[in-house]
Amino acid sequence: MSAEPPTPAPRNRPLSVIKAPRRMHSEKPKEVSRLIERMYPRLPRLELFQRKPRKGWMGGGNEVGPPAGSRARGGSRTAL
């Protein structure tokens, strides 16, 4: 098994510039996660410095809230 992610199919390769509305300081545009999900539909996904839990993504950061239905406080990790 290769440590390198597979090259996305040509139809799933994004342009090099992303046009998206400005968001909070350092917040990633939603379009970025959609592109990654389209390019790598079968691979696990990880977001560093995550602000909000996202279904199908692992991540963590000091601003991420707890998973839905949890009694945990912010700063938690979310999993697939």
N, C-alpha and C. Protein backbone atom coordinates (compact mmCIF):
# COMPACT_ATOMS: atom_id res chain seq x y z
N MET A 1 0.85 -1.18 0.00
CA MET A 1 0.00 0.00 0.00
C MET A 1 0.89 1.24 0.00
N SER A 2 0.59 2.18 -0.87
CA SER A 2 1.39 3.39 -1.00
C SER A 2 1.02 4.41 0.07
N ALA A 3 2.00 5.16 0.52
CA ALA A 3 1.75 6.22 1.50
C ALA A 3 1.22 7.48 0.82
N GLU A 4 1.34 7.56 -0.49
CA GLU A 4 0.87 8.71 -1.25
C GLU A 4 -0.61 8.55 -1.59
N PRO A 5 -1.40 9.64 -1.46
CA PRO A 5 -2.81 9.54 -1.89
C PRO A 5 -2.87 9.38 -3.41
N PRO A 6 -3.89 8.70 -3.91
CA PRO A 6 -4.00 8.53 -5.36
C PRO A 6 -4.27 9.87 -6.04
N THR A 7 -3.87 9.98 -7.29
CA THR A 7 -4.15 11.18 -8.06
C THR A 7 -5.64 11.18 -8.41
N PRO A 8 -6.35 12.28 -8.15
CA PRO A 8 -7.78 12.34 -8.48
C PRO A 8 -8.00 12.21 -9.99
N ALA A 9 -9.14 11.65 -10.35
CA ALA A 9 -9.51 11.56 -11.76
C ALA A 9 -9.54 12.97 -12.34
N PRO A 10 -9.19 13.14 -13.62
CA PRO A 10 -9.17 14.48 -14.21
C PRO A 10 -10.46 15.27 -13.99
N ARG A 11 -11.60 14.62 -14.03
CA ARG A 11 -12.87 15.34 -13.86
C ARG A 11 -13.05 15.87 -12.43
N ASN A 12 -12.28 15.33 -11.47
CA ASN A 12 -12.39 15.74 -10.07
C ASN A 12 -11.28 16.68 -9.63
N ARG A 13 -10.39 17.05 -10.54
CA ARG A 13 -9.29 17.95 -10.19
C ARG A 13 -9.79 19.39 -10.21
N PRO A 14 -9.57 20.12 -9.13
CA PRO A 14 -10.06 21.51 -9.07
C PRO A 14 -9.14 22.47 -9.80
N LEU A 15 -9.65 23.65 -10.05
CA LEU A 15 -8.82 24.74 -10.55
C LEU A 15 -7.89 25.17 -9.42
N SER A 16 -6.88 25.93 -9.73
CA SER A 16 -5.92 26.32 -8.70
C SER A 16 -6.39 27.52 -7.88
N VAL A 17 -7.48 28.16 -8.27
CA VAL A 17 -8.01 29.31 -7.54
C VAL A 17 -9.43 28.98 -7.07
N ILE A 18 -9.71 29.26 -5.81
CA ILE A 18 -11.04 29.01 -5.25
C ILE A 18 -11.70 30.36 -5.00
N LYS A 19 -12.85 30.57 -5.60
CA LYS A 19 -13.61 31.79 -5.35
C LYS A 19 -14.68 31.47 -4.32
N ALA A 20 -14.61 32.15 -3.18
CA ALA A 20 -15.54 31.88 -2.09
C ALA A 20 -15.71 33.15 -1.27
N PRO A 21 -16.86 33.28 -0.61
CA PRO A 21 -17.06 34.45 0.25
C PRO A 21 -16.05 34.46 1.40
N ARG A 22 -15.69 35.63 1.85
CA ARG A 22 -14.79 35.78 3.00
C ARG A 22 -15.52 35.29 4.24
N ARG A 23 -14.79 34.58 5.08
CA ARG A 23 -15.37 34.03 6.30
C ARG A 23 -14.59 34.54 7.50
N MET A 24 -14.81 33.95 8.66
CA MET A 24 -14.09 34.36 9.88
C MET A 24 -12.58 34.21 9.66
N HIS A 25 -11.81 34.92 10.46
CA HIS A 25 -10.35 34.85 10.37
C HIS A 25 -9.88 33.40 10.37
N SER A 26 -9.11 33.05 9.36
CA SER A 26 -8.49 31.73 9.17
C SER A 26 -9.48 30.59 8.95
N GLU A 27 -10.76 30.88 8.80
CA GLU A 27 -11.74 29.81 8.55
C GLU A 27 -11.65 29.38 7.09
N LYS A 28 -11.59 28.05 6.89
CA LYS A 28 -11.48 27.52 5.54
C LYS A 28 -12.83 27.63 4.82
N PRO A 29 -12.81 27.98 3.54
CA PRO A 29 -14.08 28.02 2.80
C PRO A 29 -14.73 26.64 2.72
N LYS A 30 -16.04 26.56 2.75
CA LYS A 30 -16.75 25.29 2.64
C LYS A 30 -16.42 24.60 1.32
N GLU A 31 -16.12 25.38 0.31
CA GLU A 31 -15.79 24.81 -1.00
C GLU A 31 -14.55 23.92 -0.94
N VAL A 32 -13.63 24.21 -0.03
CA VAL A 32 -12.42 23.40 0.09
C VAL A 32 -12.76 21.98 0.54
N SER A 33 -13.59 21.85 1.57
CA SER A 33 -13.94 20.50 2.03
C SER A 33 -14.74 19.76 0.97
N ARG A 34 -15.59 20.45 0.25
CA ARG A 34 -16.35 19.79 -0.83
C ARG A 34 -15.41 19.28 -1.92
N LEU A 35 -14.40 20.07 -2.26
CA LEU A 35 -13.42 19.63 -3.27
C LEU A 35 -12.68 18.40 -2.80
N ILE A 36 -12.24 18.40 -1.56
CA ILE A 36 -11.51 17.25 -1.02
C ILE A 36 -12.39 16.02 -1.02
N GLU A 37 -13.65 16.16 -0.61
CA GLU A 37 -14.57 15.02 -0.61
C GLU A 37 -14.79 14.48 -2.02
N ARG A 38 -14.84 15.35 -3.00
CA ARG A 38 -15.03 14.92 -4.39
C ARG A 38 -13.76 14.26 -4.93
N MET A 39 -12.59 14.81 -4.59
CA MET A 39 -11.34 14.27 -5.11
C MET A 39 -10.99 12.92 -4.48
N TYR A 40 -11.33 12.75 -3.20
CA TYR A 40 -10.95 11.53 -2.47
C TYR A 40 -12.16 10.96 -1.74
N PRO A 41 -13.14 10.44 -2.47
CA PRO A 41 -14.38 10.00 -1.83
C PRO A 41 -14.23 8.79 -0.90
N ARG A 42 -13.20 8.00 -1.06
CA ARG A 42 -13.08 6.76 -0.27
C ARG A 42 -11.99 6.83 0.80
N LEU A 43 -11.29 7.94 0.90
CA LEU A 43 -10.22 8.04 1.89
C LEU A 43 -10.69 8.76 3.14
N PRO A 44 -10.09 8.44 4.29
CA PRO A 44 -10.42 9.19 5.52
C PRO A 44 -9.97 10.64 5.36
N ARG A 45 -10.67 11.54 6.02
CA ARG A 45 -10.35 12.97 5.92
C ARG A 45 -10.08 13.53 7.31
N LEU A 46 -9.08 14.40 7.38
CA LEU A 46 -8.66 15.01 8.63
C LEU A 46 -8.55 16.51 8.44
N GLU A 47 -9.14 17.26 9.35
CA GLU A 47 -9.01 18.72 9.33
C GLU A 47 -8.32 19.17 10.61
N LEU A 48 -7.18 19.82 10.44
CA LEU A 48 -6.47 20.38 11.58
C LEU A 48 -7.06 21.75 11.90
N PHE A 49 -7.05 22.12 13.14
CA PHE A 49 -7.58 23.40 13.59
C PHE A 49 -9.04 23.57 13.19
N GLN A 50 -9.79 22.52 13.38
CA GLN A 50 -11.21 22.46 13.03
C GLN A 50 -12.01 23.41 13.91
N ARG A 51 -12.97 24.11 13.33
CA ARG A 51 -13.84 25.01 14.09
C ARG A 51 -15.16 24.34 14.44
N LYS A 52 -15.68 23.50 13.53
CA LYS A 52 -16.96 22.84 13.74
C LYS A 52 -16.84 21.38 13.32
N PRO A 53 -17.51 20.47 14.04
CA PRO A 53 -17.51 19.07 13.60
C PRO A 53 -18.12 18.97 12.21
N ARG A 54 -17.61 18.06 11.41
CA ARG A 54 -18.13 17.86 10.06
C ARG A 54 -18.28 16.37 9.84
N LYS A 55 -19.45 15.95 9.42
CA LYS A 55 -19.73 14.52 9.21
C LYS A 55 -18.74 13.93 8.21
N GLY A 56 -18.16 12.79 8.58
CA GLY A 56 -17.23 12.10 7.71
C GLY A 56 -15.79 12.58 7.83
N TRP A 57 -15.53 13.50 8.74
CA TRP A 57 -14.19 14.05 8.93
C TRP A 57 -13.72 13.82 10.36
N MET A 58 -12.42 13.55 10.52
CA MET A 58 -11.79 13.57 11.83
C MET A 58 -11.18 14.95 11.97
N GLY A 59 -11.04 15.41 13.17
CA GLY A 59 -10.41 16.72 13.33
C GLY A 59 -10.34 17.11 14.78
N GLY A 60 -9.70 18.22 14.99
CA GLY A 60 -9.60 18.73 16.34
C GLY A 60 -9.11 20.16 16.31
N GLY A 61 -9.30 20.82 17.40
CA GLY A 61 -8.87 22.20 17.53
C GLY A 61 -9.50 22.79 18.77
N ASN A 62 -8.97 23.90 19.22
CA ASN A 62 -9.49 24.47 20.47
C ASN A 62 -10.81 25.21 20.26
N GLU A 63 -11.31 25.33 19.04
CA GLU A 63 -12.59 25.99 18.79
C GLU A 63 -13.69 25.02 18.40
N VAL A 64 -13.35 23.76 18.18
CA VAL A 64 -14.37 22.80 17.75
C VAL A 64 -15.29 22.49 18.92
N GLY A 65 -16.57 22.45 18.65
CA GLY A 65 -17.54 22.10 19.67
C GLY A 65 -17.66 20.60 19.82
N PRO A 66 -18.38 20.15 20.80
CA PRO A 66 -18.55 18.71 21.00
C PRO A 66 -19.47 18.13 19.92
N PRO A 67 -19.36 16.84 19.65
CA PRO A 67 -20.28 16.20 18.71
C PRO A 67 -21.72 16.36 19.17
N ALA A 68 -22.64 16.38 18.24
CA ALA A 68 -24.06 16.54 18.57
C ALA A 68 -24.49 15.48 19.58
N GLY A 69 -25.24 15.88 20.60
CA GLY A 69 -25.75 14.95 21.60
C GLY A 69 -24.77 14.66 22.72
N SER A 70 -23.57 15.26 22.65
CA SER A 70 -22.55 15.00 23.66
C SER A 70 -22.65 16.03 24.78
N ARG A 71 -22.21 15.65 25.97
CA ARG A 71 -22.16 16.59 27.10
C ARG A 71 -20.75 17.18 27.25
N ALA A 72 -19.84 16.77 26.35
CA ALA A 72 -18.46 17.25 26.44
C ALA A 72 -18.39 18.74 26.13
N ARG A 73 -17.33 19.37 26.58
CA ARG A 73 -17.12 20.79 26.32
C ARG A 73 -16.27 20.96 25.08
N GLY A 74 -16.10 22.20 24.62
CA GLY A 74 -15.30 22.50 23.43
C GLY A 74 -13.87 22.00 23.56
N GLY A 75 -13.17 22.01 22.43
CA GLY A 75 -11.79 21.54 22.41
C GLY A 75 -11.69 20.04 22.25
N SER A 76 -12.78 19.42 21.89
CA SER A 76 -12.79 17.97 21.73
C SER A 76 -12.34 17.57 20.34
N ARG A 77 -12.18 16.29 20.16
CA ARG A 77 -11.87 15.75 18.84
C ARG A 77 -13.14 15.11 18.30
N THR A 78 -13.28 15.11 17.00
CA THR A 78 -14.40 14.41 16.37
C THR A 78 -13.83 13.29 15.53
N ALA A 79 -14.61 12.27 15.29
CA ALA A 79 -14.14 11.12 14.52
C ALA A 79 -15.14 10.76 13.45
N LEU A 80 -14.69 9.94 12.52
CA LEU A 80 -15.53 9.48 11.40
C LEU A 80 -16.76 8.77 11.87
